[in-house]
Protein backbone atom coordinates (compact mmCIF):
# COMPACT_ATOMS: atom_id res chain seq x y z
CA UNK A 1 67.36 5.11 115.44
CA UNK A 2 70.39 4.67 115.78
CA UNK A 3 72.66 1.82 115.04
CA UNK A 4 73.33 0.57 118.35
CA UNK A 5 69.47 0.74 119.44
CA UNK A 6 68.98 -1.54 116.72
CA UNK A 7 71.60 -3.93 117.57
CA UNK A 8 70.45 -3.95 121.17
CA UNK A 9 67.08 -4.59 120.64
CA UNK A 10 67.87 -7.54 118.14
CA UNK A 11 69.83 -9.12 120.93
CA UNK A 12 66.62 -9.15 123.07
CA UNK A 13 64.53 -10.90 120.52
CA UNK A 14 66.94 -13.80 120.63
CA UNK A 15 66.91 -15.79 117.35
CA UNK A 16 65.87 -12.68 115.35
CA UNK A 17 69.25 -11.29 116.85
CA UNK A 18 71.20 -12.62 113.76
CA UNK A 19 68.74 -11.99 111.43
CA UNK A 20 68.53 -8.03 112.37
CA UNK A 21 72.31 -7.87 112.27
CA UNK A 22 72.54 -9.22 108.46
CA UNK A 23 69.74 -6.26 107.65
CA UNK A 24 71.88 -3.95 109.09
CA UNK A 25 75.41 -4.80 107.49
CA UNK A 26 75.91 -4.54 104.07
CA UNK A 27 77.06 -7.62 101.79
CA UNK A 28 80.10 -9.12 101.31
CA UNK A 29 80.02 -7.95 97.18
CA UNK A 30 79.09 -3.99 98.68
CA UNK A 31 81.88 -3.97 100.89
CA UNK A 32 84.14 -5.16 98.23
CA UNK A 33 83.32 -2.83 95.86
CA UNK A 34 83.07 0.03 98.12
CA UNK A 35 86.62 -1.15 99.11
CA UNK A 36 87.70 -0.66 95.19
CA UNK A 37 85.85 2.57 95.37
CA UNK A 38 87.50 3.71 98.14
CA UNK A 39 90.96 2.84 96.93
CA UNK A 40 90.19 3.91 93.27
CA UNK A 41 89.56 7.43 94.85
CA UNK A 42 92.35 7.50 96.74
CA UNK A 43 94.84 6.85 94.48
CA UNK A 44 92.86 9.71 91.94
CA UNK A 45 93.14 12.17 94.81
CA UNK A 46 96.63 10.93 95.60
CA UNK A 47 97.90 10.87 92.15
CA UNK A 48 96.01 14.40 90.75
CA UNK A 49 94.08 16.51 93.77
CA UNK A 50 96.97 16.03 96.31
CA UNK A 51 99.61 17.49 94.04
CA UNK A 52 97.59 20.08 92.79
CA UNK A 53 96.42 21.62 96.52
CA UNK A 54 100.30 21.18 97.32
CA UNK A 55 100.80 23.15 94.59
CA UNK A 56 98.50 25.63 95.01
CA UNK A 57 99.65 25.51 98.82
CA UNK A 58 103.57 26.30 97.69
CA UNK A 59 102.38 28.84 95.29
CA UNK A 60 99.99 30.49 98.06
CA UNK A 61 103.17 30.01 100.44
CA UNK A 62 105.67 31.91 97.92
CA UNK A 63 103.45 34.71 97.01
CA UNK A 64 103.37 35.60 100.82
CA UNK A 65 106.93 34.98 101.41
CA UNK A 66 107.87 37.28 99.08
CA UNK A 67 104.99 39.80 100.15
CA UNK A 68 106.56 39.50 103.55
CA UNK A 69 110.13 39.93 102.21
CA UNK A 70 108.57 42.80 100.16
CA UNK A 71 107.07 44.41 102.89
CA UNK A 72 110.24 44.05 105.33
CA UNK A 73 112.23 45.65 102.19
CA UNK A 74 109.76 48.64 102.41
CA UNK A 75 109.79 48.75 105.91
CA UNK A 76 113.59 49.11 105.68
CA UNK A 77 113.27 51.74 102.96
CA UNK A 78 110.99 53.79 104.55
CA UNK A 79 112.57 53.55 107.76
CA UNK A 80 115.77 55.00 105.88
CA UNK A 81 113.52 57.67 104.29
CA UNK A 82 112.11 58.97 107.30
CA UNK A 83 115.96 58.75 108.49
CA UNK A 84 116.83 60.75 105.54
CA UNK A 85 113.55 63.09 106.41
CA UNK A 86 114.49 63.53 109.82
CA UNK A 87 118.32 64.72 108.68
CA UNK A 88 116.92 67.32 106.13
CA UNK A 89 114.34 68.74 108.66
CA UNK A 90 116.98 68.91 111.31
CA UNK A 91 119.31 70.80 108.65
CA UNK A 92 116.87 72.83 107.58
CA UNK A 93 116.26 73.90 111.16
CA UNK A 94 119.43 74.31 111.56
CA UNK A 95 119.74 76.24 108.40
CA UNK A 96 116.92 78.33 109.40
CA UNK A 97 118.44 79.19 112.90
CA UNK A 98 121.53 80.84 110.64
CA UNK A 99 119.53 82.86 108.71
CA UNK A 100 117.21 84.16 111.33
CA UNK A 101 120.91 84.81 113.34
CA UNK A 102 122.33 86.02 110.21
CA UNK A 103 119.05 88.63 109.65
CA UNK A 104 119.35 89.99 113.09
CA UNK A 105 123.23 90.34 112.83
CA UNK A 106 122.30 92.45 109.33
CA UNK A 107 119.48 94.40 111.14
CA UNK A 108 121.28 95.43 114.22
CA UNK A 109 124.17 96.41 111.74
CA UNK A 110 121.77 97.94 109.84
CA UNK A 111 120.43 99.70 112.70
CA UNK A 112 124.15 100.62 113.83
CA UNK A 113 124.69 102.29 110.14
CA UNK A 114 121.57 104.09 110.30
CA UNK A 115 121.99 105.44 113.65
CA UNK A 116 125.51 106.67 112.67
CA UNK A 117 124.07 108.37 109.86
CA UNK A 118 121.80 110.25 111.61
CA UNK A 119 124.24 111.30 114.02
CA UNK A 120 126.65 112.59 111.69
CA UNK A 121 123.81 114.27 109.66
CA UNK A 122 122.40 115.70 112.72
CA UNK A 123 125.85 116.78 113.31
CA UNK A 124 126.54 118.26 110.07
CA UNK A 125 122.75 120.08 110.65
CA UNK A 126 124.00 121.62 113.50
CA UNK A 127 126.96 122.81 112.74
CA UNK A 128 124.81 124.25 109.11
CA UNK A 129 122.99 125.56 111.38
CA UNK A 130 125.43 127.29 113.79
CA UNK A 131 127.41 129.15 110.27
CA UNK A 132 123.84 130.27 109.48
CA UNK A 133 123.40 131.51 113.17
CA UNK A 134 127.05 133.12 112.96
CA UNK A 135 126.48 134.44 109.62
CA UNK A 136 122.94 136.26 110.59
CA UNK A 137 125.11 137.13 113.73
CA UNK A 138 127.76 138.84 111.41
CA UNK A 139 125.05 140.25 108.95
CA UNK A 140 123.08 141.61 111.77
CA UNK A 141 126.98 143.60 113.00
CA UNK A 142 127.31 144.79 109.87
CA UNK A 143 124.03 146.09 109.37
CA UNK A 144 124.01 147.40 112.90
CA UNK A 145 127.58 149.24 111.99
CA UNK A 146 126.11 150.45 108.90
CA UNK A 147 123.10 151.96 110.58
CA UNK A 148 125.31 153.20 113.38
CA UNK A 149 127.70 154.74 110.73
CA UNK A 150 124.72 156.08 108.80
CA UNK A 151 123.28 157.69 112.35
CA UNK A 152 126.45 158.88 112.95
CA UNK A 153 127.08 160.78 110.09
CA UNK A 154 123.74 162.21 110.24
CA UNK A 155 124.30 163.44 113.80
CA UNK A 156 127.68 164.54 112.74
CA UNK A 157 126.33 166.28 109.86
CA UNK A 158 123.20 168.29 112.09
CA UNK A 159 126.33 169.05 114.67
CA UNK A 160 128.31 170.79 112.11
CA UNK A 161 125.80 172.15 110.72
CA UNK A 162 126.57 171.35 107.22
CA UNK A 163 125.84 168.22 104.98
CA UNK A 164 128.59 165.92 103.97
CA UNK A 165 129.24 165.37 100.15
CA UNK A 166 128.52 161.39 99.55
CA UNK A 167 132.15 160.78 98.97
CA UNK A 168 133.36 162.48 102.09
CA UNK A 169 130.16 160.58 104.01
CA UNK A 170 131.41 157.42 102.83
CA UNK A 171 135.16 157.49 103.81
CA UNK A 172 133.83 158.73 107.16
CA UNK A 173 131.75 155.64 107.26
CA UNK A 174 134.40 153.47 106.25
CA UNK A 175 137.25 154.89 109.05
CA UNK A 176 133.80 154.30 111.25
CA UNK A 177 133.73 150.75 110.56
CA UNK A 178 137.55 150.04 110.27
CA UNK A 179 137.29 151.61 114.15
CA UNK A 180 134.89 149.79 115.51
CA UNK A 181 136.22 146.79 113.75
CA UNK A 182 139.67 147.31 115.30
CA UNK A 183 137.86 147.57 118.75
CA UNK A 184 136.18 144.53 118.78
CA UNK A 185 139.65 142.58 117.80
CA UNK A 186 141.10 144.73 120.88
CA UNK A 187 137.92 142.85 123.47
């Protein structure tokens, strides 16, 4: 039961109420010593426990405050690093674009040089081919003239009924070739 219920029960009984309340309330010396002990405990707490507790709380507050400052400094430093990295990344992208563009230009120039060289070599090959063809034609014409001269001498020898000696034959061939060349030059 609680204290209030006991007090009410004691009042209802009448005369015994004062005795019941006395049983519930502590005696005077107990109140005195309780009060002395409370004051002594309060003074001890105030003198030793509260300053230690306050010091611990102050240290904890300083630690938290310094941690917050370091966190803020680290945040600012990381933001600066991030900005630097972004600048470097942008610079690297620009540099890569420049390198790619230079590579394209170099490739285009190299392509042009290779094409020009190939065209030049093709022209030289065609020219060499023309010279070879002209030389082959000239050689074929000379061979044809020689064969015609041989046939002419042989035919002339048959017509005349006699065979010409080698020196006379060579002289006749040379004269005939000179006449053919003169005829070609006149055309």
